C-alpha atoms as a PDB file:
ATOM      1  CA  MET A   1      20.835  -3.958   4.556  1.00  0.00           C
ATOM      2  CA  ILE A   2      20.717  -1.146   7.143  1.00  0.00           C
ATOM      3  CA  THR A   3      22.371  -2.241  10.387  1.00  0.00           C
ATOM      4  CA  THR A   4      22.770   0.991  12.415  1.00  0.00           C
ATOM      5  CA  PHE A   5      20.849   4.234  12.792  1.00  0.00           C
ATOM      6  CA  LYS A   6      23.899   6.116  11.539  1.00  0.00           C
ATOM      7  CA  ASP A   7      23.651   4.107   8.313  1.00  0.00           C
ATOM      8  CA  LEU A   8      19.958   4.929   8.187  1.00  0.00           C
ATOM      9  CA  ALA A   9      20.638   8.667   8.575  1.00  0.00           C
ATOM     10  CA  ASP A  10      22.902   8.474   5.513  1.00  0.00           C
ATOM     11  CA  VAL A  11      20.081   7.277   3.235  1.00  0.00           C
ATOM     12  CA  LEU A  12      17.098   9.201   4.648  1.00  0.00           C
ATOM     13  CA  VAL A  13      16.140  12.855   4.250  1.00  0.00           C
ATOM     14  CA  CYS A  14      13.754  15.165   6.062  1.00  0.00           C
ATOM     15  CA  PRO A  15      10.206  14.381   4.843  1.00  0.00           C
ATOM     16  CA  LEU A  16       9.395  18.095   4.562  1.00  0.00           C
ATOM     17  CA  CYS A  17      12.497  19.883   3.250  1.00  0.00           C
ATOM     18  CA  HIS A  18      14.338  16.827   1.833  1.00  0.00           C
ATOM     19  CA  SER A  19      17.588  17.872   3.510  1.00  0.00           C
ATOM     20  CA  LYS A  20      20.138  15.420   4.878  1.00  0.00           C
ATOM     21  CA  LEU A  21      19.760  13.924   8.343  1.00  0.00           C
ATOM     22  CA  SER A  22      22.267  13.131  11.053  1.00  0.00           C
ATOM     23  CA  TRP A  23      22.117  10.796  14.053  1.00  0.00           C
ATOM     24  CA  GLN A  24      22.244  12.868  17.261  1.00  0.00           C
ATOM     25  CA  ASP A  25      21.141  12.093  20.833  1.00  0.00           C
ATOM     26  CA  HIS A  26      19.295   8.901  19.865  1.00  0.00           C
ATOM     27  CA  SER A  27      17.202  10.604  17.202  1.00  0.00           C
ATOM     28  CA  LEU A  28      17.402  11.634  13.559  1.00  0.00           C
ATOM     29  CA  PHE A  29      18.043  15.345  13.169  1.00  0.00           C
ATOM     30  CA  CYS A  30      17.437  17.580  10.122  1.00  0.00           C
ATOM     31  CA  ASN A  31      20.389  19.900   9.607  1.00  0.00           C
ATOM     32  CA  ASN A  32      18.271  22.390   7.644  1.00  0.00           C
ATOM     33  CA  CYS A  33      14.946  22.860   9.447  1.00  0.00           C
ATOM     34  CA  SER A  34      16.182  21.568  12.842  1.00  0.00           C
ATOM     35  CA  ASP A  35      13.346  19.072  13.154  1.00  0.00           C
ATOM     36  CA  SER A  36      14.134  15.881  15.043  1.00  0.00           C
ATOM     37  CA  PHE A  37      12.616  12.437  14.607  1.00  0.00           C
ATOM     38  CA  ALA A  38      12.427  10.116  17.590  1.00  0.00           C
ATOM     39  CA  VAL A  39      12.959   6.374  17.366  1.00  0.00           C
ATOM     40  CA  SER A  40      10.389   4.168  19.101  1.00  0.00           C
ATOM     41  CA  ASP A  41      10.921   0.402  19.366  1.00  0.00           C
ATOM     42  CA  GLY A  42      13.617   0.713  16.710  1.00  0.00           C
ATOM     43  CA  ILE A  43      11.273   2.459  14.241  1.00  0.00           C
ATOM     44  CA  PRO A  44      11.874   6.135  13.287  1.00  0.00           C
ATOM     45  CA  GLU A  45       8.772   8.293  13.746  1.00  0.00           C
ATOM     46  CA  MET A  46       8.761  10.491  10.616  1.00  0.00           C
ATOM     47  CA  CYS A  47       5.080  11.378  10.191  1.00  0.00           C
ATOM     48  CA  ARG A  48       5.124  15.017   9.139  1.00  0.00           C
ATOM     49  CA  GLY A  49       3.159  17.281   6.822  1.00  0.00           C
ATOM     50  CA  ILE A  50      -0.440  16.245   7.562  1.00  0.00           C
ATOM     51  CA  ASN A  51      -2.025  18.133  10.442  1.00  0.00           C
ATOM     52  CA  HIS A  52      -5.499  16.612  10.237  1.00  0.00           C
ATOM     53  CA  LEU A  53      -5.143  12.900  10.920  1.00  0.00           C
ATOM     54  CA  PRO A  54      -7.862  10.597   9.559  1.00  0.00           C
ATOM     55  CA  ALA A  55     -10.174   8.762  11.949  1.00  0.00           C
ATOM     56  CA  LEU A  56      -8.086   5.621  11.557  1.00  0.00           C
ATOM     57  CA  PHE A  57      -5.233   7.195  13.570  1.00  0.00           C
ATOM     58  CA  ALA A  58      -7.323   8.986  16.206  1.00  0.00           C
ATOM     59  CA  ASP A  59      -6.505   6.466  18.975  1.00  0.00           C
ATOM     60  CA  ASP A  60      -3.432   5.045  17.286  1.00  0.00           C
ATOM     61  CA  HIS A  61      -0.941   5.496  20.122  1.00  0.00           C
ATOM     62  CA  GLN A  62      -3.304   4.033  22.735  1.00  0.00           C
ATOM     63  CA  ARG A  63      -3.815   0.936  20.608  1.00  0.00           C
ATOM     64  CA  ALA A  64      -0.057   0.652  20.038  1.00  0.00           C
ATOM     65  CA  ASP A  65       0.607   0.799  23.788  1.00  0.00           C
ATOM     66  CA  ALA A  66      -1.946  -1.957  24.352  1.00  0.00           C
ATOM     67  CA  LEU A  67      -0.380  -4.116  21.636  1.00  0.00           C
ATOM     68  CA  ARG A  68       3.111  -3.671  23.104  1.00  0.00           C
ATOM     69  CA  SER A  69       1.855  -5.209  26.347  1.00  0.00           C
ATOM     70  CA  TYR A  70       0.624  -8.251  24.397  1.00  0.00           C
ATOM     71  CA  ALA A  71       3.472  -8.567  21.883  1.00  0.00           C
ATOM     72  CA  LYS A  72       5.925 -10.511  24.029  1.00  0.00           C
ATOM     73  CA  ASP A  73       3.554 -13.362  24.901  1.00  0.00           C
ATOM     74  CA  MET A  74       1.366 -13.511  21.766  1.00  0.00           C
ATOM     75  CA  SER A  75       2.107 -15.348  18.545  1.00  0.00           C
ATOM     76  CA  VAL A  76       2.150 -13.338  15.307  1.00  0.00           C
ATOM     77  CA  PRO A  77      -1.329 -14.560  14.168  1.00  0.00           C
ATOM     78  CA  ASP A  78      -2.856 -13.747  17.562  1.00  0.00           C
ATOM     79  CA  LEU A  79      -1.202 -10.319  17.637  1.00  0.00           C
ATOM     80  CA  ILE A  80      -2.504  -9.510  14.145  1.00  0.00           C
ATOM     81  CA  ARG A  81      -5.996 -10.538  15.212  1.00  0.00           C
ATOM     82  CA  GLN A  82      -5.723  -8.407  18.357  1.00  0.00           C
ATOM     83  CA  CYS A  83      -4.476  -5.425  16.323  1.00  0.00           C
ATOM     84  CA  TYR A  84      -7.522  -5.358  14.068  1.00  0.00           C
ATOM     85  CA  GLN A  85      -9.915  -6.184  16.858  1.00  0.00           C
ATOM     86  CA  LEU A  86      -8.769  -3.008  18.624  1.00  0.00           C
ATOM     87  CA  ALA A  87      -8.565  -0.875  15.471  1.00  0.00           C
ATOM     88  CA  ALA A  88     -12.139  -0.755  14.196  1.00  0.00           C
ATOM     89  CA  CYS A  89     -15.663  -2.021  14.578  1.00  0.00           C
ATOM     90  CA  ARG A  90     -15.639  -5.485  12.978  1.00  0.00           C
ATOM     91  CA  THR A  91     -17.900  -8.492  13.032  1.00  0.00           C
ATOM     92  CA  PRO A  92     -16.257 -11.795  14.066  1.00  0.00           C
ATOM     93  CA  SER A  93     -16.337 -13.067  10.471  1.00  0.00           C
ATOM     94  CA  SER A  94     -14.814  -9.826   9.141  1.00  0.00           C
ATOM     95  CA  LEU A  95     -12.061 -10.035  11.771  1.00  0.00           C
ATOM     96  CA  GLU A  96     -11.148 -13.579  10.733  1.00  0.00           C
ATOM     97  CA  ILE A  97     -11.106 -12.612   7.035  1.00  0.00           C
ATOM     98  CA  THR A  98      -8.798  -9.652   7.767  1.00  0.00           C
ATOM     99  CA  THR A  99      -6.479 -11.767   9.913  1.00  0.00           C
ATOM    100  CA  LYS A 100      -6.160 -14.454   7.242  1.00  0.00           C
ATOM    101  CA  TYR A 101      -5.638 -11.779   4.570  1.00  0.00           C
ATOM    102  CA  MET A 102      -2.725 -10.307   6.520  1.00  0.00           C
ATOM    103  CA  LEU A 103      -1.180 -13.688   7.332  1.00  0.00           C
ATOM    104  CA  ASP A 104      -1.194 -14.518   3.603  1.00  0.00           C
ATOM    105  CA  GLY A 105       0.672 -11.280   2.805  1.00  0.00           C
ATOM    106  CA  GLU A 106       3.885 -12.859   1.526  1.00  0.00           C
ATOM    107  CA  ALA A 107       1.986 -15.167  -0.845  1.00  0.00           C
ATOM    108  CA  ARG A 108      -0.175 -12.255  -2.022  1.00  0.00           C
ATOM    109  CA  MET A 109       2.873 -10.138  -2.790  1.00  0.00           C
ATOM    110  CA  ARG A 110       4.433 -13.034  -4.706  1.00  0.00           C
ATOM    111  CA  ALA A 111       1.278 -13.452  -6.788  1.00  0.00           C
ATOM    112  CA  THR A 112       0.948  -9.696  -7.346  1.00  0.00           C
ATOM    113  CA  ILE A 113       4.527  -9.320  -8.566  1.00  0.00           C
ATOM    114  CA  GLY A 114       4.040 -12.356 -10.830  1.00  0.00           C
ATOM    115  CA  GLU A 115       0.989 -10.731 -12.378  1.00  0.00           C
ATOM    116  CA  PHE A 116       2.819  -7.446 -12.892  1.00  0.00           C
ATOM    117  CA  ARG A 117       5.765  -9.302 -14.397  1.00  0.00           C
ATOM    118  CA  GLN A 118       3.457 -10.583 -17.147  1.00  0.00           C
ATOM    119  CA  VAL A 119       2.088  -7.079 -17.787  1.00  0.00           C
ATOM    120  CA  ALA A 120       5.620  -5.628 -17.884  1.00  0.00           C
ATOM    121  CA  ALA A 121       6.743  -8.309 -20.335  1.00  0.00           C
ATOM    122  CA  GLN A 122       3.857  -7.474 -22.664  1.00  0.00           C
ATOM    123  CA  ARG A 123       4.993  -3.844 -22.701  1.00  0.00           C
ATOM    124  CA  LYS A 124       8.686  -4.824 -22.898  1.00  0.00           C
ATOM    125  CA  TRP A 125       9.457  -3.039 -19.643  1.00  0.00           C
ATOM    126  CA  PRO A 126      12.062  -4.974 -17.603  1.00  0.00           C
ATOM    127  CA  LEU A 127      10.738  -5.397 -14.068  1.00  0.00           C
ATOM    128  CA  PRO A 128      13.439  -4.611 -11.460  1.00  0.00           C
ATOM    129  CA  CYS A 129      14.485  -7.670  -9.457  1.00  0.00           C
ATOM    130  CA  ALA A 130      17.457  -6.326  -7.450  1.00  0.00           C
ATOM    131  CA  GLY A 131      18.616  -3.181  -5.669  1.00  0.00           C
ATOM    132  CA  THR A 132      16.352  -1.137  -3.388  1.00  0.00           C
ATOM    133  CA  ALA A 133      12.633  -1.720  -2.804  1.00  0.00           C
ATOM    134  CA  LEU A 134       9.883   0.013  -0.853  1.00  0.00           C
ATOM    135  CA  ASP A 135       6.620  -1.480   0.379  1.00  0.00           C
ATOM    136  CA  LEU A 136       4.507   1.659   0.675  1.00  0.00           C
ATOM    137  CA  GLY A 137       1.735   1.095   3.195  1.00  0.00           C
ATOM    138  CA  CYS A 138       3.300  -2.114   4.467  1.00  0.00           C
ATOM    139  CA  GLY A 139       0.570  -2.849   7.016  1.00  0.00           C
ATOM    140  CA  VAL A 140       1.831  -5.472   9.477  1.00  0.00           C
ATOM    141  CA  GLY A 141       4.858  -6.260   7.295  1.00  0.00           C
ATOM    142  CA  THR A 142       3.860  -9.669   5.935  1.00  0.00           C
ATOM    143  CA  THR A 143       3.790  -8.453   2.323  1.00  0.00           C
ATOM    144  CA  THR A 144       7.178  -6.761   2.694  1.00  0.00           C
ATOM    145  CA  GLY A 145       8.965  -9.987   3.514  1.00  0.00           C
ATOM    146  CA  HIS A 146       8.702 -11.319  -0.030  1.00  0.00           C
ATOM    147  CA  LEU A 147      10.787  -8.391  -1.310  1.00  0.00           C
ATOM    148  CA  THR A 148      13.739  -9.458   0.875  1.00  0.00           C
ATOM    149  CA  ARG A 149      14.206 -12.524  -1.345  1.00  0.00           C
ATOM    150  CA  ASP A 150      15.469 -10.443  -4.292  1.00  0.00           C
ATOM    151  CA  PHE A 151      16.345  -6.944  -3.093  1.00  0.00           C
ATOM    152  CA  ASP A 152      19.426  -5.919  -1.116  1.00  0.00           C
ATOM    153  CA  MET A 153      17.745  -3.081   0.769  1.00  0.00           C
ATOM    154  CA  VAL A 154      14.025  -3.236   1.645  1.00  0.00           C
ATOM    155  CA  PHE A 155      11.974  -0.571   3.417  1.00  0.00           C
ATOM    156  CA  GLY A 156       8.456  -0.776   4.804  1.00  0.00           C
ATOM    157  CA  VAL A 157       6.547   2.465   5.424  1.00  0.00           C
ATOM    158  CA  ASN A 158       3.278   2.864   7.284  1.00  0.00           C
ATOM    159  CA  PRO A 159       1.909   5.791   9.351  1.00  0.00           C
ATOM    160  CA  ALA A 160      -0.120   3.564  11.723  1.00  0.00           C
ATOM    161  CA  CYS A 161       1.923   2.865  14.854  1.00  0.00           C
ATOM    162  CA  ASP A 162      -0.360   0.030  16.043  1.00  0.00           C
ATOM    163  CA  GLU A 163       0.288  -1.936  12.847  1.00  0.00           C
ATOM    164  CA  MET A 164       3.988  -1.122  13.146  1.00  0.00           C
ATOM    165  CA  VAL A 165       4.115  -2.784  16.564  1.00  0.00           C
ATOM    166  CA  VAL A 166       3.013  -5.968  14.804  1.00  0.00           C
ATOM    167  CA  ALA A 167       5.337  -5.311  11.842  1.00  0.00           C
ATOM    168  CA  GLU A 168       8.340  -5.087  14.186  1.00  0.00           C
ATOM    169  CA  LYS A 169       7.522  -8.531  15.594  1.00  0.00           C
ATOM    170  CA  VAL A 170       6.903  -9.953  12.108  1.00  0.00           C
ATOM    171  CA  ASN A 171      10.207  -8.499  10.879  1.00  0.00           C
ATOM    172  CA  ARG A 172      12.136  -9.915  13.835  1.00  0.00           C
ATOM    173  CA  GLU A 173      10.569 -13.381  14.012  1.00  0.00           C
ATOM    174  CA  TRP A 174       9.757 -14.122  10.360  1.00  0.00           C
ATOM    175  CA  PHE A 175      12.293 -12.151   8.303  1.00  0.00           C
ATOM    176  CA  HIS A 176      15.319 -11.845  10.643  1.00  0.00           C
ATOM    177  CA  ASN A 177      15.297  -8.020  10.659  1.00  0.00           C
ATOM    178  CA  ARG A 178      15.980  -7.733   6.926  1.00  0.00           C
ATOM    179  CA  ILE A 179      13.326  -4.988   6.612  1.00  0.00           C
ATOM    180  CA  THR A 180      13.893  -1.360   7.632  1.00  0.00           C
ATOM    181  CA  LEU A 181      10.609  -0.046   9.048  1.00  0.00           C
ATOM    182  CA  LEU A 182       9.604   3.634   9.152  1.00  0.00           C
ATOM    183  CA  ARG A 183       6.513   5.532  10.198  1.00  0.00           C
ATOM    184  CA  ALA A 184       5.768   8.176   7.546  1.00  0.00           C
ATOM    185  CA  PHE A 185       2.986   9.506   5.355  1.00  0.00           C
ATOM    186  CA  GLY A 186       2.975   8.621   1.667  1.00  0.00           C
ATOM    187  CA  GLU A 187       2.512  12.308   0.846  1.00  0.00           C
ATOM    188  CA  HIS A 188       5.850  13.154   2.531  1.00  0.00           C
ATOM    189  CA  LEU A 189       8.332  10.312   2.168  1.00  0.00           C
ATOM    190  CA  PRO A 190      11.751  10.596   3.889  1.00  0.00           C
ATOM    191  CA  PHE A 191      13.815   9.263   0.993  1.00  0.00           C
ATOM    192  CA  GLN A 192      16.325  10.792  -1.380  1.00  0.00           C
ATOM    193  CA  ASP A 193      15.433  11.528  -4.986  1.00  0.00           C
ATOM    194  CA  ARG A 194      15.929   8.597  -7.376  1.00  0.00           C
ATOM    195  CA  PHE A 195      16.543   6.100  -4.597  1.00  0.00           C
ATOM    196  CA  PHE A 196      14.315   3.084  -5.336  1.00  0.00           C
ATOM    197  CA  ASP A 197      14.339   0.505  -8.094  1.00  0.00           C
ATOM    198  CA  LEU A 198      10.871  -0.771  -7.118  1.00  0.00           C
ATOM    199  CA  VAL A 199       7.963   0.637  -5.120  1.00  0.00           C
ATOM    200  CA  CYS A 200       4.970  -1.562  -4.287  1.00  0.00           C
ATOM    201  CA  ALA A 201       1.682   0.029  -3.213  1.00  0.00           C
ATOM    202  CA  VAL A 202      -0.679  -2.907  -2.787  1.00  0.00           C
ATOM    203  CA  ASP A 203      -4.193  -1.773  -1.819  1.00  0.00           C
ATOM    204  CA  VAL A 204      -2.869   1.466  -0.318  1.00  0.00           C
ATOM    205  CA  ILE A 205      -3.812   4.429  -2.509  1.00  0.00           C
ATOM    206  CA  GLU A 206      -7.472   4.222  -1.419  1.00  0.00           C
ATOM    207  CA  HIS A 207      -6.417   4.914   2.200  1.00  0.00           C
ATOM    208  CA  VAL A 208      -4.367   8.093   1.707  1.00  0.00           C
ATOM    209  CA  ALA A 209      -5.541  11.669   2.131  1.00  0.00           C
ATOM    210  CA  ASN A 210      -4.099  12.900  -1.190  1.00  0.00           C
ATOM    211  CA  PRO A 211      -3.537  10.185  -3.851  1.00  0.00           C
ATOM    212  CA  LEU A 212      -1.936  12.581  -6.340  1.00  0.00           C
ATOM    213  CA  ALA A 213       0.593  13.803  -3.768  1.00  0.00           C
ATOM    214  CA  VAL A 214       1.543  10.194  -3.005  1.00  0.00           C
ATOM    215  CA  LEU A 215       2.040   9.426  -6.700  1.00  0.00           C
ATOM    216  CA  LYS A 216       4.174  12.566  -7.092  1.00  0.00           C
ATOM    217  CA  GLU A 217       6.349  11.467  -4.167  1.00  0.00           C
ATOM    218  CA  VAL A 218       6.789   8.010  -5.680  1.00  0.00           C
ATOM    219  CA  GLU A 219       7.737   9.657  -8.975  1.00  0.00           C
ATOM    220  CA  ARG A 220      10.403  11.646  -7.105  1.00  0.00           C
ATOM    221  CA  ILE A 221      11.997   8.679  -5.296  1.00  0.00           C
ATOM    222  CA  LEU A 222      12.034   6.246  -8.245  1.00  0.00           C
ATOM    223  CA  LYS A 223      15.267   5.772 -10.162  1.00  0.00           C
ATOM    224  CA  PRO A 224      15.113   6.145 -13.961  1.00  0.00           C
ATOM    225  CA  GLY A 225      13.804   2.801 -15.152  1.00  0.00           C
ATOM    226  CA  GLY A 226      12.350   2.086 -11.709  1.00  0.00           C
ATOM    227  CA  MET A 227       8.755   0.957 -11.363  1.00  0.00           C
ATOM    228  CA  LEU A 228       5.702   1.424  -9.192  1.00  0.00           C
ATOM    229  CA  LEU A 229       3.380  -1.564  -8.844  1.00  0.00           C
ATOM    230  CA  LEU A 230       0.000  -0.232  -7.722  1.00  0.00           C
ATOM    231  CA  THR A 231      -3.154  -2.167  -6.965  1.00  0.00           C
ATOM    232  CA  SER A 232      -6.361  -0.657  -5.665  1.00  0.00           C
ATOM    233  CA  PRO A 233     -10.013  -1.704  -5.396  1.00  0.00           C
ATOM    234  CA  ASN A 234     -12.305  -0.117  -7.957  1.00  0.00           C
ATOM    235  CA  GLN A 235     -14.853   2.338  -6.574  1.00  0.00           C
ATOM    236  CA  PHE A 236     -17.502   0.963  -8.946  1.00  0.00           C
ATOM    237  CA  ASN A 237     -16.719  -2.714  -8.424  1.00  0.00           C
ATOM    238  CA  ALA A 238     -19.826  -4.579  -9.582  1.00  0.00           C
ATOM    239  CA  VAL A 239     -18.479  -8.151  -9.569  1.00  0.00           C
ATOM    240  CA  SER A 240     -17.539  -8.873  -5.933  1.00  0.00           C
ATOM    241  CA  PRO A 241     -17.958  -7.535  -2.369  1.00  0.00           C
ATOM    242  CA  ASP A 242     -15.649  -4.776  -1.169  1.00  0.00           C
ATOM    243  CA  GLY A 243     -12.652  -6.444   0.462  1.00  0.00           C
ATOM    244  CA  HIS A 244     -12.646  -4.140   3.509  1.00  0.00           C
ATOM    245  CA  VAL A 245     -16.190  -4.793   4.702  1.00  0.00           C
ATOM    246  CA  GLN A 246     -17.390  -7.728   2.547  1.00  0.00           C
ATOM    247  CA  VAL A 247     -20.369  -5.719   1.222  1.00  0.00           C
ATOM    248  CA  ARG A 248     -21.287  -5.204  -2.436  1.00  0.00           C
ATOM    249  CA  PHE A 249     -21.872  -1.912  -4.300  1.00  0.00           C
ATOM    250  CA  VAL A 250     -20.546   0.395  -1.538  1.00  0.00           C
ATOM    251  CA  GLY A 251     -18.875   2.713  -4.055  1.00  0.00           C
ATOM    252  CA  PHE A 252     -22.133   3.397  -5.893  1.00  0.00           C
ATOM    253  CA  PHE A 253     -23.553   5.251  -2.882  1.00  0.00           C
ATOM    254  CA  PRO A 254     -22.829   8.887  -1.918  1.00  0.00           C
ATOM    255  CA  ASP A 255     -20.315   9.320   0.913  1.00  0.00           C
ATOM    256  CA  GLN A 256     -22.927  10.153   3.536  1.00  0.00           C
ATOM    257  CA  TRP A 257     -24.890   6.970   2.802  1.00  0.00           C
ATOM    258  CA  ARG A 258     -22.010   4.501   2.856  1.00  0.00           C
ATOM    259  CA  GLU A 259     -21.659   4.177   6.633  1.00  0.00           C
ATOM    260  CA  PRO A 260     -25.342   3.322   7.347  1.00  0.00           C
ATOM    261  CA  TYR A 261     -25.486   1.098   4.252  1.00  0.00           C
ATOM    262  CA  VAL A 262     -22.404  -0.901   5.317  1.00  0.00           C
ATOM    263  CA  ARG A 263     -23.601  -1.247   8.911  1.00  0.00           C
ATOM    264  CA  TRP A 264     -26.967  -2.497   7.664  1.00  0.00           C
ATOM    265  CA  ARG A 265     -25.580  -4.966   5.124  1.00  0.00           C
ATOM    266  CA  SER A 266     -22.663  -6.249   7.230  1.00  0.00           C
ATOM    267  CA  GLY A 267     -24.366  -6.515  10.588  1.00  0.00           C
ATOM    268  CA  GLY A 268     -22.187  -3.953  12.333  1.00  0.00           C
ATOM    269  CA  CYS A 269     -18.963  -3.234  10.396  1.00  0.00           C
ATOM    270  CA  SER A 270     -17.927   0.411  10.149  1.00  0.00           C
ATOM    271  CA  TRP A 271     -17.009   1.922   6.782  1.00  0.00           C
ATOM    272  CA  ARG A 272     -15.896   5.249   8.237  1.00  0.00           C
ATOM    273  CA  LYS A 273     -13.326   3.674  10.573  1.00  0.00           C
ATOM    274  CA  ARG A 274     -11.687   1.877   7.642  1.00  0.00           C
ATOM    275  CA  ASN A 275     -10.683   5.277   6.189  1.00  0.00           C
ATOM    276  CA  VAL A 276     -11.302   3.991   2.648  1.00  0.00           C
ATOM    277  CA  GLN A 277     -11.980   6.058  -0.480  1.00  0.00           C
ATOM    278  CA  PRO A 278     -11.639   3.733  -3.511  1.00  0.00           C
ATOM    279  CA  LEU A 279     -10.771   5.352  -6.818  1.00  0.00           C
ATOM    280  CA  SER A 280     -12.672   4.926 -10.052  1.00  0.00           C
ATOM    281  CA  TYR A 281     -10.768   4.087 -13.238  1.00  0.00           C
ATOM    282  CA  TRP A 282     -11.213   7.674 -14.472  1.00  0.00           C
ATOM    283  CA  ARG A 283      -9.963   9.275 -11.251  1.00  0.00           C
ATOM    284  CA  LEU A 284      -6.921   7.003 -11.118  1.00  0.00           C
ATOM    285  CA  THR A 285      -5.953   7.684 -14.726  1.00  0.00           C
ATOM    286  CA  LYS A 286      -6.488  11.426 -14.187  1.00  0.00           C
ATOM    287  CA  HIS A 287      -3.853  11.305 -11.438  1.00  0.00           C
ATOM    288  CA  LEU A 288      -1.459   9.154 -13.469  1.00  0.00           C
ATOM    289  CA  LYS A 289      -1.603  11.587 -16.392  1.00  0.00           C
ATOM    290  CA  GLN A 290      -0.063  14.244 -14.126  1.00  0.00           C
ATOM    291  CA  LEU A 291       3.169  12.265 -13.672  1.00  0.00           C
ATOM    292  CA  SER A 292       5.369  14.142 -16.123  1.00  0.00           C
ATOM    293  CA  THR A 293       8.401  11.837 -16.034  1.00  0.00           C
ATOM    294  CA  CYS A 294       6.620   8.478 -16.027  1.00  0.00           C
ATOM    295  CA  ALA A 295       4.934   6.136 -18.475  1.00  0.00           C
ATOM    296  CA  TRP A 296       2.037   4.121 -17.115  1.00  0.00           C
ATOM    297  CA  HIS A 297      -0.432   1.393 -17.980  1.00  0.00           C
ATOM    298  CA  VAL A 298      -3.618   0.328 -16.177  1.00  0.00           C
ATOM    299  CA  ASN A 299      -4.357  -3.325 -16.819  1.00  0.00           C
ATOM    300  CA  LYS A 300      -7.900  -4.646 -17.117  1.00  0.00           C
ATOM    301  CA  PRO A 301      -9.256  -8.038 -16.056  1.00  0.00           C
ATOM    302  CA  VAL A 302      -8.643 -10.788 -18.594  1.00  0.00           C
ATOM    303  CA  MET A 303     -11.674 -11.334 -20.801  1.00  0.00           C
ATOM    304  CA  LEU A 304     -10.293 -13.890 -23.236  1.00  0.00           C
ATOM    305  CA  GLY A 305      -8.309 -16.795 -21.794  1.00  0.00           C
ATOM    306  CA  PRO A 306      -7.698 -20.508 -22.328  1.00  0.00           C
ATOM    307  CA  LYS A 307     -10.999 -21.428 -20.661  1.00  0.00           C
ATOM    308  CA  SER A 308     -13.137 -18.843 -22.497  1.00  0.00           C
ATOM    309  CA  GLY A 309     -16.314 -20.268 -23.983  1.00  0.00           C
ATOM    310  CA  PRO A 310     -17.555 -19.838 -27.553  1.00  0.00           C
ATOM    311  CA  ARG A 311     -19.837 -16.941 -26.571  1.00  0.00           C
ATOM    312  CA  THR A 312     -16.900 -14.939 -25.133  1.00  0.00           C
ATOM    313  CA  ARG A 313     -14.764 -15.720 -28.178  1.00  0.00           C
ATOM    314  CA  PHE A 314     -17.590 -14.548 -30.438  1.00  0.00           C
ATOM    315  CA  ILE A 315     -17.859 -11.246 -28.524  1.00  0.00           C
ATOM    316  CA  CYS A 316     -14.095 -10.720 -28.790  1.00  0.00           C
ATOM    317  CA  ALA A 317     -14.308 -11.204 -32.556  1.00  0.00           C
ATOM    318  CA  LEU A 318     -16.718  -8.274 -32.946  1.00  0.00           C
ATOM    319  CA  PRO A 319     -14.807  -4.962 -32.721  1.00  0.00           C
ATOM    320  CA  GLY A 320     -17.764  -2.892 -31.492  1.00  0.00           C
ATOM    321  CA  LEU A 321     -18.774  -5.301 -28.739  1.00  0.00           C
ATOM    322  CA  ARG A 322     -15.185  -5.868 -27.733  1.00  0.00           C
ATOM    323  CA  HIS A 323     -14.635  -2.148 -27.139  1.00  0.00           C
ATOM    324  CA  LEU A 324     -17.834  -2.026 -25.073  1.00  0.00           C
ATOM    325  CA  VAL A 325     -16.773  -5.008 -22.943  1.00  0.00           C
ATOM    326  CA  ASN A 326     -13.291  -3.515 -22.449  1.00  0.00           C
ATOM    327  CA  TRP A 327     -14.891  -0.293 -21.236  1.00  0.00           C
ATOM    328  CA  LEU A 328     -17.122  -2.222 -18.824  1.00  0.00           C
ATOM    329  CA  LEU A 329     -14.149  -4.171 -17.469  1.00  0.00           C
ATOM    330  CA  HIS A 330     -12.302  -0.952 -16.665  1.00  0.00           C
ATOM    331  CA  ALA A 331     -15.413   0.730 -15.280  1.00  0.00           C
ATOM    332  CA  LEU A 332     -16.933  -2.099 -13.231  1.00  0.00           C
ATOM    333  CA  GLY A 333     -14.066  -4.558 -12.624  1.00  0.00           C
ATOM    334  CA  LYS A 334     -12.932  -5.653  -9.174  1.00  0.00           C
ATOM    335  CA  GLU A 335      -9.647  -3.738  -8.958  1.00  0.00           C
ATOM    336  CA  HIS A 336      -7.081  -1.627 -10.770  1.00  0.00           C
ATOM    337  CA  LEU A 337      -3.569  -2.835 -11.575  1.00  0.00           C
ATOM    338  CA  ALA A 338      -1.403   0.128 -12.559  1.00  0.00           C
ATOM    339  CA  LEU A 339       2.185  -0.266 -13.729  1.00  0.00           C
ATOM    340  CA  VAL A 340       4.193   2.987 -13.648  1.00  0.00           C
ATOM    341  CA  ARG A 341       7.727   3.275 -15.063  1.00  0.00           C
ATOM    342  CA  LYS A 342      10.078   6.197 -14.452  1.00  0.00           C
ATOM    343  CA  LEU A 343      11.442   7.304 -17.818  1.00  0.00           C
ATOM    344  CA  ASP A 344      15.173   7.165 -18.488  1.00  0.00           C
ATOM    345  CA  ASN A 345      16.899  10.527 -18.781  1.00  0.00           C
END
């Protein structure tokens, strides 16, 4: 576990040139490009490399300042609710759903890792359960806490400073400062090559500006044998409402129609302010194929299980229909579960 900023400087690198850092004058300093990274509320500010910030971060610092004034007197649930009330246009029901979703983060991460463990066992890939772990896009930090149960060194990265105000309180009050929090973009991560045993990106890739660049960075920082656990909503989800706005079929509309469609169907929620671009199965696999040193597998929803009826079992027994149903599950299922393993040298 990282206990001092000098220790932190020893394991981080410059997010742009990947050179070593040193701790000087209460900031992290790059010895190569002479860039310095301030520390705010104990969290290094290492967002570099993206000049055009998405709409989600347009008023980020103002919201963070407002949350800091509430943080001392508010409970964690109330601060999470306040964070998302300030962040985007939400209906009262959508706000409560988001708050509950974030509060359940540790349980969700436990369930997600359990699901990936089954997939990894089927492929005979040992899932890392010790060493160093990264929660990429850690949100308010509730998901990250589960990783501290098994891993010696746990990092949480998120570019949004309003969410990181909440994450600092969550880390301090719920997880006893066992998480090292950083503000950085997924496209430019401030970590050494081959540093992590496990990287979790739970419902994150749909929020980034360049998904392929993020995947390439994860490929760089994974140790040989290390794994990326990636979940993401399917653009063409036809079985349930989109989890961000609780509206069905958003991904089937062109970009310019999504905002008015979501506002109409939700009663006022904004799609644009969520900064969401879900990936289709084909787009995700196209990106994964460009990872030259990794093997990967995208799981599909289970079609045949213990409670499957005779009709489903009959379909599974017919090769032609089974292939068609498998294609439909990938194309129109609720979400993608992608397991990526860095190949041994």
